[in-house]
PDB file of all heavy atoms in Angstrom:
ATOM      1  N   GLY A   1    -133.254-102.363 -71.579  1.00  0.00           N
ATOM      2  CA  GLY A   1    -134.257-101.660 -72.370  1.00  0.00           C
ATOM      3  C   GLY A   1    -133.660-100.592 -73.249  1.00  0.00           C
ATOM      4  O   GLY A   1    -134.075-100.401 -74.405  1.00  0.00           O
ATOM      5  N   LEU A   2    -132.665 -99.865 -72.731  1.00  0.00           N
ATOM      6  CA  LEU A   2    -131.997 -98.840 -73.529  1.00  0.00           C
ATOM      7  C   LEU A   2    -131.345 -99.436 -74.769  1.00  0.00           C
ATOM      8  O   LEU A   2    -131.213 -98.769 -75.796  1.00  0.00           O
ATOM      9  CB  LEU A   2    -130.946 -98.121 -72.683  1.00  0.00           C
ATOM     10  CG  LEU A   2    -131.463 -97.212 -71.570  1.00  0.00           C
ATOM     11  CD1 LEU A   2    -130.310 -96.717 -70.707  1.00  0.00           C
ATOM     12  CD2 LEU A   2    -132.239 -96.029 -72.137  1.00  0.00           C
ATOM     13  N   GLY A   3    -130.934-100.698 -74.676  1.00  0.00           N
ATOM     14  CA  GLY A   3    -130.250-101.335 -75.801  1.00  0.00           C
ATOM     15  C   GLY A   3    -131.160-101.776 -76.927  1.00  0.00           C
ATOM     16  O   GLY A   3    -130.675-102.095 -78.022  1.00  0.00           O
ATOM     17  N   VAL A   4    -132.482-101.818 -76.691  1.00  0.00           N
ATOM     18  CA  VAL A   4    -133.395-102.302 -77.738  1.00  0.00           C
ATOM     19  C   VAL A   4    -134.391-101.238 -78.177  1.00  0.00           C
ATOM     20  O   VAL A   4    -135.429-101.558 -78.755  1.00  0.00           O
ATOM     21  CB  VAL A   4    -134.159-103.570 -77.279  1.00  0.00           C
ATOM     22  CG1 VAL A   4    -133.212-104.738 -77.109  1.00  0.00           C
ATOM     23  CG2 VAL A   4    -134.950-103.317 -75.999  1.00  0.00           C
ATOM     24  N   ILE A   5    -134.094 -99.978 -77.934  1.00  0.00           N
ATOM     25  CA  ILE A   5    -135.006 -98.898 -78.324  1.00  0.00           C
ATOM     26  C   ILE A   5    -135.278 -98.942 -79.824  1.00  0.00           C
ATOM     27  O   ILE A   5    -136.440 -98.968 -80.278  1.00  0.00           O
ATOM     28  CB  ILE A   5    -134.430 -97.521 -77.932  1.00  0.00           C
ATOM     29  CG1 ILE A   5    -134.357 -97.368 -76.401  1.00  0.00           C
ATOM     30  CG2 ILE A   5    -135.252 -96.398 -78.560  1.00  0.00           C
ATOM     31  CD1 ILE A   5    -135.680 -97.214 -75.722  1.00  0.00           C
ATOM     32  N   GLU A   6    -134.218 -98.919 -80.623  1.00  0.00           N
ATOM     33  CA  GLU A   6    -134.392 -98.886 -82.084  1.00  0.00           C
ATOM     34  C   GLU A   6    -135.094-100.145 -82.587  1.00  0.00           C
ATOM     35  O   GLU A   6    -135.978-100.073 -83.456  1.00  0.00           O
ATOM     36  CB  GLU A   6    -133.034 -98.723 -82.775  1.00  0.00           C
ATOM     37  CG  GLU A   6    -132.408 -97.338 -82.613  1.00  0.00           C
ATOM     38  CD  GLU A   6    -131.699 -97.141 -81.271  1.00  0.00           C
ATOM     39  OE1 GLU A   6    -131.534 -98.135 -80.523  1.00  0.00           O
ATOM     40  OE2 GLU A   6    -131.311 -96.003 -80.965  1.00  0.00           O
ATOM     41  N   LEU A   7    -134.711-101.292 -82.050  1.00  0.00           N
ATOM     42  CA  LEU A   7    -135.342-102.549 -82.469  1.00  0.00           C
ATOM     43  C   LEU A   7    -136.828-102.545 -82.139  1.00  0.00           C
ATOM     44  O   LEU A   7    -137.658-102.956 -82.963  1.00  0.00           O
ATOM     45  CB  LEU A   7    -134.651-103.730 -81.784  1.00  0.00           C
ATOM     46  CG  LEU A   7    -135.254-105.105 -82.074  1.00  0.00           C
ATOM     47  CD1 LEU A   7    -135.145-105.448 -83.554  1.00  0.00           C
ATOM     48  CD2 LEU A   7    -134.587-106.178 -81.219  1.00  0.00           C
ATOM     49  N   THR A   8    -137.194-102.079 -80.959  1.00  0.00           N
ATOM     50  CA  THR A   8    -138.599-102.049 -80.549  1.00  0.00           C
ATOM     51  C   THR A   8    -139.422-101.155 -81.463  1.00  0.00           C
ATOM     52  O   THR A   8    -140.521-101.529 -81.897  1.00  0.00           O
ATOM     53  CB  THR A   8    -138.720-101.560 -79.095  1.00  0.00           C
ATOM     54  OG1 THR A   8    -137.896-102.374 -78.246  1.00  0.00           O
ATOM     55  CG2 THR A   8    -140.148-101.634 -78.622  1.00  0.00           C
ATOM     56  N   VAL A   9    -138.888 -99.982 -81.775  1.00  0.00           N
ATOM     57  CA  VAL A   9    -139.593 -99.062 -82.677  1.00  0.00           C
ATOM     58  C   VAL A   9    -139.759 -99.689 -84.058  1.00  0.00           C
ATOM     59  O   VAL A   9    -140.853 -99.664 -84.647  1.00  0.00           O
ATOM     60  CB  VAL A   9    -138.835 -97.719 -82.779  1.00  0.00           C
ATOM     61  CG1 VAL A   9    -139.419 -96.850 -83.889  1.00  0.00           C
ATOM     62  CG2 VAL A   9    -138.900 -96.973 -81.448  1.00  0.00           C
ATOM     63  N   ALA A  10    -138.688-100.278 -84.585  1.00  0.00           N
ATOM     64  CA  ALA A  10    -138.745-100.869 -85.924  1.00  0.00           C
ATOM     65  C   ALA A  10    -139.749-102.017 -85.988  1.00  0.00           C
ATOM     66  O   ALA A  10    -140.528-102.127 -86.953  1.00  0.00           O
ATOM     67  CB  ALA A  10    -137.355-101.351 -86.327  1.00  0.00           C
ATOM     68  N   LEU A  11    -139.756-102.880 -84.982  1.00  0.00           N
ATOM     69  CA  LEU A  11    -140.649-104.038 -85.004  1.00  0.00           C
ATOM     70  C   LEU A  11    -142.112-103.612 -84.951  1.00  0.00           C
ATOM     71  O   LEU A  11    -142.943-104.090 -85.733  1.00  0.00           O
ATOM     72  CB  LEU A  11    -140.329-104.967 -83.841  1.00  0.00           C
ATOM     73  CG  LEU A  11    -139.040-105.784 -83.968  1.00  0.00           C
ATOM     74  CD1 LEU A  11    -138.729-106.514 -82.665  1.00  0.00           C
ATOM     75  CD2 LEU A  11    -139.137-106.784 -85.116  1.00  0.00           C
ATOM     76  N   HIS A  12    -142.446-102.703 -84.046  1.00  0.00           N
ATOM     77  CA  HIS A  12    -143.846-102.297 -83.932  1.00  0.00           C
ATOM     78  C   HIS A  12    -144.286-101.419 -85.097  1.00  0.00           C
ATOM     79  O   HIS A  12    -145.487-101.332 -85.390  1.00  0.00           O
ATOM     80  CB  HIS A  12    -144.078-101.571 -82.603  1.00  0.00           C
ATOM     81  CG  HIS A  12    -144.207-102.500 -81.439  1.00  0.00           C
ATOM     82  ND1 HIS A  12    -145.196-103.457 -81.343  1.00  0.00           N
ATOM     83  CD2 HIS A  12    -143.458-102.628 -80.303  1.00  0.00           C
ATOM     84  CE1 HIS A  12    -145.070-104.121 -80.209  1.00  0.00           C
ATOM     85  NE2 HIS A  12    -144.017-103.644 -79.555  1.00  0.00           N
ATOM     86  N   TYR A  13    -143.339-100.778 -85.761  1.00  0.00           N
ATOM     87  CA  TYR A  13    -143.678 -99.960 -86.931  1.00  0.00           C
ATOM     88  C   TYR A  13    -143.984-100.833 -88.148  1.00  0.00           C
ATOM     89  O   TYR A  13    -144.928-100.570 -88.899  1.00  0.00           O
ATOM     90  CB  TYR A  13    -142.526 -99.006 -87.245  1.00  0.00           C
ATOM     91  CG  TYR A  13    -142.822 -98.027 -88.358  1.00  0.00           C
ATOM     92  CD1 TYR A  13    -143.655 -96.928 -88.149  1.00  0.00           C
ATOM     93  CD2 TYR A  13    -142.259 -98.186 -89.627  1.00  0.00           C
ATOM     94  CE1 TYR A  13    -143.926 -96.021 -89.171  1.00  0.00           C
ATOM     95  CE2 TYR A  13    -142.514 -97.286 -90.651  1.00  0.00           C
ATOM     96  CZ  TYR A  13    -143.353 -96.202 -90.424  1.00  0.00           C
ATOM     97  OH  TYR A  13    -143.614 -95.313 -91.432  1.00  0.00           O
ATOM     98  N   LEU A  14    -143.200-101.889 -88.326  1.00  0.00           N
ATOM     99  CA  LEU A  14    -143.303-102.701 -89.537  1.00  0.00           C
ATOM    100  C   LEU A  14    -144.283-103.858 -89.423  1.00  0.00           C
ATOM    101  O   LEU A  14    -144.882-104.265 -90.419  1.00  0.00           O
ATOM    102  CB  LEU A  14    -141.927-103.251 -89.915  1.00  0.00           C
ATOM    103  CG  LEU A  14    -140.904-102.224 -90.395  1.00  0.00           C
ATOM    104  CD1 LEU A  14    -139.555-102.883 -90.599  1.00  0.00           C
ATOM    105  CD2 LEU A  14    -141.357-101.565 -91.691  1.00  0.00           C
ATOM    106  N   TYR A  15    -144.434-104.391 -88.230  1.00  0.00           N
ATOM    107  CA  TYR A  15    -145.313-105.541 -88.045  1.00  0.00           C
ATOM    108  C   TYR A  15    -146.650-105.102 -87.456  1.00  0.00           C
ATOM    109  O   TYR A  15    -146.726-104.127 -86.696  1.00  0.00           O
ATOM    110  CB  TYR A  15    -144.655-106.586 -87.142  1.00  0.00           C
ATOM    111  CG  TYR A  15    -143.523-107.320 -87.819  1.00  0.00           C
ATOM    112  CD1 TYR A  15    -142.228-106.823 -87.755  1.00  0.00           C
ATOM    113  CD2 TYR A  15    -143.750-108.495 -88.531  1.00  0.00           C
ATOM    114  CE1 TYR A  15    -141.179-107.490 -88.385  1.00  0.00           C
ATOM    115  CE2 TYR A  15    -142.717-109.167 -89.155  1.00  0.00           C
ATOM    116  CZ  TYR A  15    -141.435-108.665 -89.084  1.00  0.00           C
ATOM    117  OH  TYR A  15    -140.401-109.314 -89.712  1.00  0.00           O
ATOM    118  N   ASP A  16    -147.682-105.855 -87.785  1.00  0.00           N
ATOM    119  CA  ASP A  16    -149.037-105.529 -87.343  1.00  0.00           C
ATOM    120  C   ASP A  16    -149.300-106.172 -85.980  1.00  0.00           C
ATOM    121  O   ASP A  16    -150.163-107.039 -85.834  1.00  0.00           O
ATOM    122  CB  ASP A  16    -150.050-106.022 -88.380  1.00  0.00           C
ATOM    123  CG  ASP A  16    -151.476-105.605 -88.048  1.00  0.00           C
ATOM    124  OD1 ASP A  16    -151.645-104.638 -87.271  1.00  0.00           O
ATOM    125  OD2 ASP A  16    -152.417-106.244 -88.571  1.00  0.00           O
ATOM    126  N   THR A  17    -148.548-105.738 -84.971  1.00  0.00           N
ATOM    127  CA  THR A  17    -148.764-106.258 -83.631  1.00  0.00           C
ATOM    128  C   THR A  17    -150.059-105.682 -83.061  1.00  0.00           C
ATOM    129  O   THR A  17    -150.404-104.542 -83.352  1.00  0.00           O
ATOM    130  CB  THR A  17    -147.584-105.858 -82.712  1.00  0.00           C
ATOM    131  OG1 THR A  17    -147.412-104.433 -82.772  1.00  0.00           O
ATOM    132  CG2 THR A  17    -146.301-106.537 -83.134  1.00  0.00           C
ATOM    133  N   PRO A  18    -150.843-106.435 -82.294  1.00  0.00           N
ATOM    134  CA  PRO A  18    -150.585-107.798 -81.805  1.00  0.00           C
ATOM    135  C   PRO A  18    -151.088-108.902 -82.718  1.00  0.00           C
ATOM    136  O   PRO A  18    -151.032-110.073 -82.340  1.00  0.00           O
ATOM    137  CB  PRO A  18    -151.351-107.818 -80.491  1.00  0.00           C
ATOM    138  CG  PRO A  18    -152.562-106.977 -80.775  1.00  0.00           C
ATOM    139  CD  PRO A  18    -152.064-105.870 -81.679  1.00  0.00           C
ATOM    140  N   VAL A  19    -151.605-108.548 -83.916  1.00  0.00           N
ATOM    141  CA  VAL A  19    -152.008-109.597 -84.857  1.00  0.00           C
ATOM    142  C   VAL A  19    -150.780-110.432 -85.214  1.00  0.00           C
ATOM    143  O   VAL A  19    -150.791-111.667 -85.118  1.00  0.00           O
ATOM    144  CB  VAL A  19    -152.661-108.973 -86.112  1.00  0.00           C
ATOM    145  CG1 VAL A  19    -152.998-110.051 -87.130  1.00  0.00           C
ATOM    146  CG2 VAL A  19    -153.909-108.202 -85.716  1.00  0.00           C
ATOM    147  N   ASP A  20    -149.713-109.774 -85.656  1.00  0.00           N
ATOM    148  CA  ASP A  20    -148.426-110.441 -85.745  1.00  0.00           C
ATOM    149  C   ASP A  20    -147.916-110.642 -84.324  1.00  0.00           C
ATOM    150  O   ASP A  20    -148.046-109.750 -83.476  1.00  0.00           O
ATOM    151  CB  ASP A  20    -147.431-109.600 -86.554  1.00  0.00           C
ATOM    152  CG  ASP A  20    -147.805-109.508 -88.022  1.00  0.00           C
ATOM    153  OD1 ASP A  20    -148.445-110.442 -88.537  1.00  0.00           O
ATOM    154  OD2 ASP A  20    -147.470-108.487 -88.657  1.00  0.00           O
ATOM    155  N   GLN A  21    -147.326-111.788 -84.066  1.00  0.00           N
ATOM    156  CA  GLN A  21    -146.994-112.152 -82.684  1.00  0.00           C
ATOM    157  C   GLN A  21    -145.505-111.953 -82.410  1.00  0.00           C
ATOM    158  O   GLN A  21    -144.646-112.537 -83.051  1.00  0.00           O
ATOM    159  CB  GLN A  21    -147.416-113.599 -82.429  1.00  0.00           C
ATOM    160  CG  GLN A  21    -148.934-113.753 -82.501  1.00  0.00           C
ATOM    161  CD  GLN A  21    -149.390-115.177 -82.347  1.00  0.00           C
ATOM    162  OE1 GLN A  21    -149.097-116.027 -83.174  1.00  0.00           O
ATOM    163  NE2 GLN A  21    -150.124-115.443 -81.277  1.00  0.00           N
ATOM    164  N   LEU A  22    -145.242-111.098 -81.436  1.00  0.00           N
ATOM    165  CA  LEU A  22    -143.882-110.739 -81.040  1.00  0.00           C
ATOM    166  C   LEU A  22    -143.596-111.356 -79.677  1.00  0.00           C
ATOM    167  O   LEU A  22    -144.284-111.064 -78.697  1.00  0.00           O
ATOM    168  CB  LEU A  22    -143.760-109.217 -80.983  1.00  0.00           C
ATOM    169  CG  LEU A  22    -142.434-108.604 -80.537  1.00  0.00           C
ATOM    170  CD1 LEU A  22    -141.286-109.073 -81.408  1.00  0.00           C
ATOM    171  CD2 LEU A  22    -142.538-107.073 -80.567  1.00  0.00           C
ATOM    172  N   VAL A  23    -142.588-112.227 -79.621  1.00  0.00           N
ATOM    173  CA  VAL A  23    -142.258-112.949 -78.399  1.00  0.00           C
ATOM    174  C   VAL A  23    -140.900-112.459 -77.893  1.00  0.00           C
ATOM    175  O   VAL A  23    -139.888-112.593 -78.586  1.00  0.00           O
ATOM    176  CB  VAL A  23    -142.195-114.475 -78.642  1.00  0.00           C
ATOM    177  CG1 VAL A  23    -141.949-115.208 -77.329  1.00  0.00           C
ATOM    178  CG2 VAL A  23    -143.477-114.969 -79.300  1.00  0.00           C
ATOM    179  N   TRP A  24    -140.878-111.911 -76.684  1.00  0.00           N
ATOM    180  CA  TRP A  24    -139.642-111.391 -76.095  1.00  0.00           C
ATOM    181  C   TRP A  24    -139.033-112.417 -75.150  1.00  0.00           C
ATOM    182  O   TRP A  24    -139.735-113.096 -74.409  1.00  0.00           O
ATOM    183  CB  TRP A  24    -139.917-110.116 -75.308  1.00  0.00           C
ATOM    184  CG  TRP A  24    -140.273-108.934 -76.150  1.00  0.00           C
ATOM    185  CD1 TRP A  24    -141.527-108.545 -76.523  1.00  0.00           C
ATOM    186  CD2 TRP A  24    -139.373-107.994 -76.735  1.00  0.00           C
ATOM    187  NE1 TRP A  24    -141.456-107.410 -77.297  1.00  0.00           N
ATOM    188  CE2 TRP A  24    -140.146-107.051 -77.441  1.00  0.00           C
ATOM    189  CE3 TRP A  24    -137.985-107.845 -76.716  1.00  0.00           C
ATOM    190  CZ2 TRP A  24    -139.590-105.980 -78.133  1.00  0.00           C
ATOM    191  CZ3 TRP A  24    -137.423-106.786 -77.400  1.00  0.00           C
ATOM    192  CH2 TRP A  24    -138.217-105.869 -78.100  1.00  0.00           C
ATOM    193  N   ASP A  25    -137.713-112.518 -75.190  1.00  0.00           N
ATOM    194  CA  ASP A  25    -136.978-113.350 -74.250  1.00  0.00           C
ATOM    195  C   ASP A  25    -136.291-112.465 -73.225  1.00  0.00           C
ATOM    196  O   ASP A  25    -136.041-111.285 -73.486  1.00  0.00           O
ATOM    197  CB  ASP A  25    -135.914-114.177 -74.990  1.00  0.00           C
ATOM    198  CG  ASP A  25    -135.758-115.567 -74.393  1.00  0.00           C
ATOM    199  OD1 ASP A  25    -135.735-115.678 -73.156  1.00  0.00           O
ATOM    200  OD2 ASP A  25    -135.661-116.529 -75.173  1.00  0.00           O
ATOM    201  N   VAL A  26    -135.957-112.996 -72.081  1.00  0.00           N
ATOM    202  CA  VAL A  26    -135.398-112.236 -70.969  1.00  0.00           C
ATOM    203  C   VAL A  26    -136.199-110.938 -70.847  1.00  0.00           C
ATOM    204  O   VAL A  26    -135.794-109.900 -71.329  1.00  0.00           O
ATOM    205  CB  VAL A  26    -133.910-111.906 -71.150  1.00  0.00           C
ATOM    206  CG1 VAL A  26    -133.205-112.030 -69.826  1.00  0.00           C
ATOM    207  CG2 VAL A  26    -133.222-112.764 -72.148  1.00  0.00           C
ATOM    208  N   GLY A  27    -137.332-111.028 -70.162  1.00  0.00           N
ATOM    209  CA  GLY A  27    -138.329-109.975 -70.228  1.00  0.00           C
ATOM    210  C   GLY A  27    -137.914-108.614 -69.756  1.00  0.00           C
ATOM    211  O   GLY A  27    -138.643-107.638 -69.946  1.00  0.00           O
ATOM    212  N   HIS A  28    -136.714-108.491 -69.127  1.00  0.00           N
ATOM    213  CA  HIS A  28    -136.325-107.154 -68.685  1.00  0.00           C
ATOM    214  C   HIS A  28    -135.967-106.243 -69.856  1.00  0.00           C
ATOM    215  O   HIS A  28    -135.685-105.072 -69.654  1.00  0.00           O
ATOM    216  CB  HIS A  28    -135.161-107.226 -67.677  1.00  0.00           C
ATOM    217  CG  HIS A  28    -133.972-107.984 -68.135  1.00  0.00           C
ATOM    218  ND1 HIS A  28    -133.523-109.129 -67.501  1.00  0.00           N
ATOM    219  CD2 HIS A  28    -133.114-107.765 -69.144  1.00  0.00           C
ATOM    220  CE1 HIS A  28    -132.435-109.572 -68.112  1.00  0.00           C
ATOM    221  NE2 HIS A  28    -132.175-108.765 -69.111  1.00  0.00           N
TER     222      HIS A  28
END
C-alpha cells in the first residue's frame, strides 16, 4: 500500500470513480 500512495491519489483525482471503473490486482 505504501508503494501506491501517489498512484491512488492521482487515479481518484483524475477519474470519476466509481462511474469510471478502477480494477485492482493483488488486492493487498
